[in-house]
Amino acid sequence: MVRLPLTPAQLEAGRRLGAALRTARDGRDPVEVAASAGISPETLRKIESGRLPTPAFGTVVALSRTLDISLDELAEIWHPGDAEQRSAS
């Protein structure tokens, strides 16, 4: 199966996600954070820089737990406005 290219919106969402994770890391050693999440430091760098805009769900879960940031918060960063739309329904 051929993967379709990411849209500009998906690329921007990946940049927002990476920036949020970098902020949540709050100066912690990236090697330690990556090891705790079970990923390589290079993968963490790619996610934080936006070069890996759509990390695997399991990776996002591991990072959310390691950095103590909720999946709901990360979902809102990925796609702003979803929470308001759900509560309005």
N, C-alpha and C. Protein backbone atom coordinates (compact mmCIF):
# COMPACT_ATOMS: atom_id res chain seq x y z
N MET A 1 0.84 -1.17 0.00
CA MET A 1 0.00 0.00 0.00
C MET A 1 0.90 1.25 0.00
N VAL A 2 0.56 2.18 -0.83
CA VAL A 2 1.32 3.43 -0.92
C VAL A 2 0.71 4.45 0.05
N ARG A 3 1.56 5.07 0.82
CA ARG A 3 1.10 6.08 1.76
C ARG A 3 0.99 7.41 1.03
N LEU A 4 -0.14 8.07 1.20
CA LEU A 4 -0.35 9.38 0.58
C LEU A 4 0.53 10.42 1.27
N PRO A 5 0.97 11.42 0.54
CA PRO A 5 1.76 12.49 1.17
C PRO A 5 0.92 13.21 2.23
N LEU A 6 1.59 13.69 3.25
CA LEU A 6 0.89 14.43 4.30
C LEU A 6 0.44 15.78 3.78
N THR A 7 -0.68 16.23 4.28
CA THR A 7 -1.19 17.53 3.89
C THR A 7 -0.44 18.62 4.67
N PRO A 8 -0.50 19.86 4.21
CA PRO A 8 0.11 20.96 4.98
C PRO A 8 -0.47 21.03 6.40
N ALA A 9 -1.75 20.76 6.56
CA ALA A 9 -2.36 20.79 7.89
C ALA A 9 -1.77 19.71 8.80
N GLN A 10 -1.53 18.52 8.25
CA GLN A 10 -0.92 17.45 9.04
C GLN A 10 0.51 17.79 9.41
N LEU A 11 1.24 18.39 8.50
CA LEU A 11 2.62 18.79 8.79
C LEU A 11 2.64 19.84 9.90
N GLU A 12 1.73 20.80 9.85
CA GLU A 12 1.65 21.83 10.89
C GLU A 12 1.24 21.22 12.22
N ALA A 13 0.32 20.26 12.20
CA ALA A 13 -0.08 19.58 13.43
C ALA A 13 1.11 18.86 14.05
N GLY A 14 1.93 18.25 13.22
CA GLY A 14 3.13 17.57 13.71
C GLY A 14 4.11 18.54 14.34
N ARG A 15 4.23 19.73 13.76
CA ARG A 15 5.11 20.75 14.36
C ARG A 15 4.58 21.20 15.72
N ARG A 16 3.25 21.36 15.81
CA ARG A 16 2.65 21.75 17.11
C ARG A 16 2.86 20.66 18.15
N LEU A 17 2.64 19.41 17.74
CA LEU A 17 2.84 18.29 18.65
C LEU A 17 4.28 18.23 19.14
N GLY A 18 5.23 18.34 18.22
CA GLY A 18 6.64 18.30 18.59
C GLY A 18 7.01 19.42 19.55
N ALA A 19 6.51 20.61 19.28
CA ALA A 19 6.81 21.76 20.15
C ALA A 19 6.22 21.54 21.55
N ALA A 20 5.02 20.99 21.61
CA ALA A 20 4.39 20.73 22.91
C ALA A 20 5.17 19.69 23.70
N LEU A 21 5.62 18.65 23.02
CA LEU A 21 6.40 17.62 23.71
C LEU A 21 7.75 18.16 24.17
N ARG A 22 8.37 18.99 23.36
CA ARG A 22 9.64 19.62 23.74
C ARG A 22 9.44 20.50 24.98
N THR A 23 8.35 21.26 25.00
CA THR A 23 8.03 22.11 26.15
C THR A 23 7.77 21.25 27.38
N ALA A 24 7.03 20.17 27.22
CA ALA A 24 6.72 19.28 28.35
C ALA A 24 7.98 18.62 28.90
N ARG A 25 8.95 18.40 28.02
CA ARG A 25 10.23 17.80 28.47
C ARG A 25 10.92 18.73 29.45
N ASP A 26 10.73 20.03 29.29
CA ASP A 26 11.17 21.04 30.26
C ASP A 26 12.63 20.88 30.70
N GLY A 27 13.51 20.74 29.72
CA GLY A 27 14.94 20.69 30.03
C GLY A 27 15.45 19.32 30.45
N ARG A 28 14.56 18.35 30.60
CA ARG A 28 15.03 17.00 30.94
C ARG A 28 15.89 16.48 29.82
N ASP A 29 16.85 15.67 30.16
CA ASP A 29 17.77 15.10 29.17
C ASP A 29 16.99 14.29 28.14
N PRO A 30 17.11 14.64 26.85
CA PRO A 30 16.35 13.92 25.84
C PRO A 30 16.70 12.44 25.76
N VAL A 31 17.93 12.08 26.06
CA VAL A 31 18.33 10.66 26.03
C VAL A 31 17.56 9.89 27.11
N GLU A 32 17.44 10.49 28.29
CA GLU A 32 16.71 9.84 29.38
C GLU A 32 15.22 9.75 29.06
N VAL A 33 14.65 10.82 28.51
CA VAL A 33 13.23 10.81 28.15
C VAL A 33 12.97 9.74 27.10
N ALA A 34 13.80 9.69 26.08
CA ALA A 34 13.64 8.70 25.02
C ALA A 34 13.72 7.28 25.59
N ALA A 35 14.71 7.03 26.43
CA ALA A 35 14.87 5.70 27.01
C ALA A 35 13.65 5.33 27.85
N SER A 36 13.14 6.28 28.62
CA SER A 36 11.97 6.03 29.45
C SER A 36 10.73 5.72 28.60
N ALA A 37 10.65 6.35 27.43
CA ALA A 37 9.51 6.13 26.54
C ALA A 37 9.71 4.93 25.62
N GLY A 38 10.91 4.36 25.65
CA GLY A 38 11.18 3.18 24.82
C GLY A 38 11.41 3.50 23.35
N ILE A 39 11.90 4.72 23.09
CA ILE A 39 12.22 5.12 21.72
C ILE A 39 13.67 5.58 21.67
N SER A 40 14.17 5.76 20.47
CA SER A 40 15.55 6.23 20.34
C SER A 40 15.59 7.75 20.51
N PRO A 41 16.73 8.26 20.96
CA PRO A 41 16.88 9.72 21.05
C PRO A 41 16.67 10.40 19.69
N GLU A 42 17.07 9.73 18.61
CA GLU A 42 16.88 10.30 17.27
C GLU A 42 15.40 10.41 16.94
N THR A 43 14.62 9.43 17.32
CA THR A 43 13.17 9.50 17.08
C THR A 43 12.58 10.66 17.86
N LEU A 44 12.98 10.83 19.11
CA LEU A 44 12.50 11.96 19.90
C LEU A 44 12.87 13.27 19.24
N ARG A 45 14.11 13.39 18.77
CA ARG A 45 14.54 14.63 18.09
C ARG A 45 13.69 14.89 16.85
N LYS A 46 13.42 13.84 16.09
CA LYS A 46 12.60 14.02 14.88
C LYS A 46 11.18 14.46 15.22
N ILE A 47 10.61 13.89 16.26
CA ILE A 47 9.25 14.28 16.66
C ILE A 47 9.26 15.73 17.13
N GLU A 48 10.19 16.06 18.01
CA GLU A 48 10.23 17.42 18.56
C GLU A 48 10.49 18.48 17.50
N SER A 49 11.24 18.13 16.48
CA SER A 49 11.56 19.11 15.43
C SER A 49 10.50 19.16 14.34
N GLY A 50 9.53 18.24 14.38
CA GLY A 50 8.50 18.21 13.36
C GLY A 50 8.88 17.41 12.12
N ARG A 51 10.08 16.81 12.13
CA ARG A 51 10.50 15.99 10.98
C ARG A 51 9.79 14.65 10.95
N LEU A 52 9.17 14.26 12.05
CA LEU A 52 8.36 13.05 12.12
C LEU A 52 6.98 13.50 12.61
N PRO A 53 6.16 14.06 11.70
CA PRO A 53 4.92 14.71 12.11
C PRO A 53 3.79 13.77 12.51
N THR A 54 3.89 12.49 12.17
CA THR A 54 2.83 11.55 12.53
C THR A 54 3.43 10.32 13.22
N PRO A 55 3.92 10.49 14.44
CA PRO A 55 4.49 9.33 15.14
C PRO A 55 3.41 8.30 15.43
N ALA A 56 3.85 7.08 15.63
CA ALA A 56 2.92 5.99 15.95
C ALA A 56 2.18 6.29 17.24
N PHE A 57 0.94 5.80 17.32
CA PHE A 57 0.12 6.05 18.51
C PHE A 57 0.82 5.56 19.78
N GLY A 58 1.41 4.38 19.72
CA GLY A 58 2.11 3.85 20.90
C GLY A 58 3.24 4.75 21.35
N THR A 59 3.91 5.38 20.40
CA THR A 59 4.98 6.33 20.74
C THR A 59 4.41 7.54 21.44
N VAL A 60 3.30 8.05 20.94
CA VAL A 60 2.67 9.22 21.58
C VAL A 60 2.20 8.87 22.99
N VAL A 61 1.63 7.68 23.16
CA VAL A 61 1.20 7.23 24.49
C VAL A 61 2.39 7.16 25.44
N ALA A 62 3.47 6.54 24.99
CA ALA A 62 4.66 6.41 25.84
C ALA A 62 5.22 7.77 26.22
N LEU A 63 5.27 8.69 25.27
CA LEU A 63 5.77 10.04 25.58
C LEU A 63 4.82 10.78 26.51
N SER A 64 3.52 10.60 26.33
CA SER A 64 2.57 11.28 27.21
C SER A 64 2.74 10.81 28.65
N ARG A 65 2.97 9.53 28.82
CA ARG A 65 3.18 8.99 30.17
C ARG A 65 4.51 9.44 30.75
N THR A 66 5.54 9.39 29.94
CA THR A 66 6.87 9.79 30.41
C THR A 66 6.90 11.26 30.79
N LEU A 67 6.22 12.09 30.01
CA LEU A 67 6.26 13.54 30.23
C LEU A 67 5.09 14.05 31.07
N ASP A 68 4.22 13.13 31.51
CA ASP A 68 3.07 13.48 32.33
C ASP A 68 2.20 14.55 31.66
N ILE A 69 1.85 14.29 30.41
CA ILE A 69 0.97 15.15 29.65
C ILE A 69 -0.16 14.26 29.10
N SER A 70 -1.39 14.69 29.30
CA SER A 70 -2.51 13.81 28.94
C SER A 70 -2.66 13.65 27.43
N LEU A 71 -3.20 12.52 27.05
CA LEU A 71 -3.49 12.29 25.63
C LEU A 71 -4.55 13.28 25.14
N ASP A 72 -5.49 13.66 26.00
CA ASP A 72 -6.48 14.67 25.61
C ASP A 72 -5.81 15.99 25.27
N GLU A 73 -4.83 16.38 26.07
CA GLU A 73 -4.12 17.63 25.79
C GLU A 73 -3.35 17.53 24.47
N LEU A 74 -2.71 16.40 24.24
CA LEU A 74 -1.98 16.23 22.98
C LEU A 74 -2.93 16.19 21.79
N ALA A 75 -4.10 15.57 21.98
CA ALA A 75 -5.09 15.54 20.90
C ALA A 75 -5.57 16.94 20.57
N GLU A 76 -5.76 17.78 21.58
CA GLU A 76 -6.19 19.16 21.35
C GLU A 76 -5.10 19.95 20.63
N ILE A 77 -3.86 19.67 20.95
CA ILE A 77 -2.74 20.33 20.26
C ILE A 77 -2.71 19.89 18.80
N TRP A 78 -2.93 18.60 18.58
CA TRP A 78 -2.90 18.05 17.22
C TRP A 78 -4.03 18.64 16.37
N HIS A 79 -5.22 18.72 16.97
CA HIS A 79 -6.38 19.18 16.20
C HIS A 79 -7.19 20.13 17.06
N PRO A 80 -6.77 21.41 17.15
CA PRO A 80 -7.48 22.37 18.01
C PRO A 80 -8.96 22.48 17.65
N GLY A 81 -9.76 22.62 18.67
CA GLY A 81 -11.19 22.82 18.45
C GLY A 81 -12.01 21.56 18.57
N ASP A 82 -11.40 20.39 18.54
CA ASP A 82 -12.18 19.14 18.63
C ASP A 82 -12.95 19.04 19.94
N ALA A 83 -12.34 19.46 21.05
CA ALA A 83 -13.00 19.34 22.35
C ALA A 83 -14.28 20.18 22.40
N GLU A 84 -14.22 21.38 21.85
CA GLU A 84 -15.40 22.24 21.85
C GLU A 84 -16.50 21.64 20.96
N GLN A 85 -16.10 21.08 19.84
CA GLN A 85 -17.08 20.48 18.93
C GLN A 85 -17.77 19.29 19.59
N ARG A 86 -17.01 18.46 20.32
CA ARG A 86 -17.60 17.29 20.98
C ARG A 86 -18.56 17.72 22.09
N SER A 87 -18.18 18.73 22.88
CA SER A 87 -19.04 19.14 23.99
C SER A 87 -20.29 19.86 23.49
N ALA A 88 -20.24 20.44 22.31
CA ALA A 88 -21.41 21.12 21.74
C ALA A 88 -22.42 20.13 21.17
N SER A 89 -21.97 18.90 20.89
CA SER A 89 -22.88 17.90 20.28
C SER A 89 -23.82 17.30 21.29
